Each structure stands twice: as structure tokens, then as C-alpha cells.
Amino acid sequence: MSSLPDPNDYPEARVVIYDGHCQFCSRQVQRLARLDGKNRLSFLSLHDPRIESDFPALSHDELMEAMHLVEPSGEIHRGAAAFRLMTRRLPRLWILVPLMHLPFSLPLWQAIYRFIARRRYRMNCDEESCQTHLHK
């Protein structure tokens, strides 16, 4: 996979924290990086050692449950709410804004996000990630 924009290289960018051990997650953030194209987003695997020092308020368990989007101000969005915000920030995702921002729809998007997040290792796992995450 191609390298993703790093928070150290783009300090003004929002930071997307994702599960870098998950092939499904890694493919999705690669797509987000391509859709961005202007380094509005930078990416950091939740397994990166910088997570503990740069984002001490986020626990490993929280990060394993959902992708997180950290604003330059320090505000944190997670899961479907993070993706929903990205639809407004990335012009190539604006087509999704009317759907993602239907009044009272966020609980539905959160439920769908949780459903997918819990099954992400089954969606396309290699032997190593299946052994690590599915047979605990």
C-alpha cells in the first residue's frame, strides 16, 4: 500500500486514527487519502507508538472500537460521526452530505458503523490477522 500523509508532515491536518492491523480499515483510509488529495487529513494507526503520547485521552479499547478523527483544535469525533464530518470537509464526498445529514439519522449511521466495525476482521483478513483477532 502507498504511504499515507503523516501527522508529523501535516500538522494542520485533521488526524484519522484507524486500525492499521485491519486490512479492511487500511483500504478504507487509503480511499479517504485519495479522495482528499489536498492533505486535509493525515493518518495514524492506533498501533503506532505515538498514540500514547500524542493522544493520551484515548484508550486502546476505544480506538479498537472505531476510527477517530481529531481536529486541530483537539476535538475528537468517532465512528459514523467522524465519517459524517468528513463528508462535509472533503469535496469529493459532498455527494453524501444530504444522505449522511438527514435529520435524526446519526443513530442509524452509528448502528451501521458498529455492525461493520465489529466484523471488520472477517471482511478480508489474512491468516495472521484472522489468528490474532478472530481466535481470541
Protein backbone atom coordinates (compact mmCIF):
# COMPACT_ATOMS: atom_id res chain seq x y z
CA MET A 1 0.00 0.00 0.00
CA SER A 2 1.14 3.51 -0.64
CA SER A 3 2.16 5.62 2.30
CA LEU A 4 -0.44 7.84 3.90
CA PRO A 5 0.01 11.51 4.87
CA ASP A 6 1.59 11.53 8.33
CA PRO A 7 0.57 13.94 11.12
CA ASN A 8 4.22 14.99 11.54
CA ASP A 9 4.32 16.12 7.91
CA TYR A 10 0.92 17.88 8.00
CA PRO A 11 0.45 19.40 11.48
CA GLU A 12 -2.61 21.44 10.42
CA ALA A 13 -4.44 18.40 9.04
CA ARG A 14 -7.12 16.50 10.90
CA VAL A 15 -5.77 13.18 12.15
CA VAL A 16 -7.62 9.98 11.30
CA ILE A 17 -6.74 7.24 13.79
CA TYR A 18 -7.56 3.81 12.42
CA ASP A 19 -6.73 0.14 12.96
CA GLY A 20 -3.60 -0.38 10.89
CA HIS A 21 -3.68 -4.14 11.52
CA CYS A 22 -7.04 -4.41 9.78
CA GLN A 23 -6.86 -4.85 6.00
CA PHE A 24 -10.42 -3.57 5.55
CA CYS A 25 -9.65 -0.43 7.61
CA SER A 26 -6.36 0.17 5.81
CA ARG A 27 -8.07 0.00 2.42
CA GLN A 28 -10.73 2.47 3.55
CA VAL A 29 -8.21 5.05 4.77
CA GLN A 30 -6.27 4.63 1.51
CA ARG A 31 -9.51 5.56 -0.27
CA LEU A 32 -10.02 8.54 2.03
CA ALA A 33 -6.48 9.74 1.31
CA ARG A 34 -7.13 9.51 -2.44
CA LEU A 35 -10.46 11.32 -2.07
CA ASP A 36 -8.76 14.03 -0.02
CA GLY A 37 -5.92 14.80 -2.40
CA LYS A 38 -5.01 18.03 -0.56
CA ASN A 39 -3.69 16.62 2.73
CA ARG A 40 -6.61 17.92 4.76
CA LEU A 41 -6.34 14.57 6.53
CA SER A 42 -3.36 12.77 7.98
CA PHE A 43 -3.44 9.19 9.20
CA LEU A 44 -2.09 7.31 12.16
CA SER A 45 -2.55 3.65 13.03
CA LEU A 46 -3.84 3.09 16.54
CA HIS A 47 -0.88 0.71 16.92
CA ASP A 48 1.66 3.50 16.32
CA PRO A 49 3.70 4.27 19.47
CA ARG A 50 2.90 8.00 19.07
CA ILE A 51 -0.74 7.35 20.00
CA GLU A 52 0.02 7.10 23.73
CA SER A 53 2.00 10.33 23.85
CA ASP A 54 0.01 12.38 21.32
CA PHE A 55 -3.50 11.23 22.31
CA PRO A 56 -3.34 10.12 25.96
CA ALA A 57 -7.08 10.63 26.49
CA LEU A 58 -7.90 7.82 24.04
CA SER A 59 -7.69 4.28 25.35
CA HIS A 60 -6.65 1.34 23.21
CA ASP A 61 -10.10 -0.22 23.70
CA GLU A 62 -11.84 2.95 22.48
CA LEU A 63 -9.58 3.10 19.45
CA MET A 64 -10.23 -0.56 18.63
CA GLU A 65 -13.98 0.11 18.56
CA ALA A 66 -13.99 2.90 15.97
CA MET A 67 -12.00 5.19 13.74
CA HIS A 68 -11.36 8.58 15.36
CA LEU A 69 -11.00 11.98 13.73
CA VAL A 70 -9.02 14.52 15.73
CA GLU A 71 -9.46 18.18 14.81
CA PRO A 72 -6.50 20.59 15.01
CA SER A 73 -8.35 22.12 17.99
CA GLY A 74 -8.18 18.75 19.78
CA GLU A 75 -11.89 17.99 19.39
CA ILE A 76 -12.44 14.27 18.75
CA HIS A 77 -15.13 12.59 16.65
CA ARG A 78 -15.54 8.84 16.41
CA GLY A 79 -17.09 6.25 14.14
CA ALA A 80 -20.00 7.35 11.99
CA ALA A 81 -19.85 10.89 13.38
CA ALA A 82 -16.24 11.13 12.18
CA PHE A 83 -17.15 9.93 8.70
CA ARG A 84 -20.18 12.20 8.65
CA LEU A 85 -17.92 15.17 9.37
CA MET A 86 -15.51 14.10 6.62
CA THR A 87 -18.37 14.25 4.09
CA ARG A 88 -18.54 17.99 4.76
CA ARG A 89 -14.77 18.51 4.73
CA LEU A 90 -13.79 16.58 1.58
CA PRO A 91 -15.32 17.97 -1.63
CA ARG A 92 -15.30 14.55 -3.30
CA LEU A 93 -17.61 13.27 -0.55
CA TRP A 94 -20.07 16.15 -0.72
CA ILE A 95 -22.45 13.96 -2.72
CA LEU A 96 -23.04 12.00 0.52
CA VAL A 97 -23.84 15.07 2.64
CA PRO A 98 -27.64 15.04 2.03
CA LEU A 99 -27.85 11.36 2.98
CA MET A 100 -25.45 11.45 5.96
CA HIS A 101 -27.06 14.58 7.40
CA LEU A 102 -30.72 13.62 7.22
CA PRO A 103 -32.31 14.83 10.43
CA PHE A 104 -32.21 12.21 13.19
CA SER A 105 -30.18 9.78 11.01
CA LEU A 106 -26.95 9.71 13.05
CA PRO A 107 -28.13 6.86 15.34
CA LEU A 108 -28.79 4.75 12.23
CA TRP A 109 -25.32 5.51 10.80
CA GLN A 110 -23.76 4.73 14.19
CA ALA A 111 -25.52 1.36 14.31
CA ILE A 112 -24.37 0.51 10.78
CA TYR A 113 -20.83 1.64 11.62
CA ARG A 114 -20.74 -0.52 14.79
CA PHE A 115 -22.08 -3.52 12.85
CA ILE A 116 -19.28 -3.22 10.28
CA ALA A 117 -16.57 -2.36 12.84
CA ARG A 118 -17.30 -5.48 14.89
CA ARG A 119 -16.95 -7.65 11.78
CA ARG A 120 -14.08 -5.83 10.09
CA TYR A 121 -11.55 -8.64 10.53
CA ARG A 122 -13.91 -11.10 8.87
CA MET A 123 -14.38 -8.87 5.82
CA ASN A 124 -10.96 -9.60 4.37
CA CYS A 125 -8.48 -10.98 6.78
CA ASP A 126 -5.19 -12.62 6.04
CA GLU A 127 -4.05 -15.62 8.03
CA GLU A 128 -2.14 -13.53 10.59
CA SER A 129 -4.93 -11.06 11.37
CA CYS A 130 -7.51 -13.85 11.49
CA GLN A 131 -5.36 -15.74 14.00
CA THR A 132 -4.79 -12.61 16.06
CA HIS A 133 -8.31 -11.21 16.15
CA LEU A 134 -10.81 -13.97 15.45
CA HIS A 135 -9.49 -16.75 17.66
CA LYS A 136 -9.08 -14.99 20.99
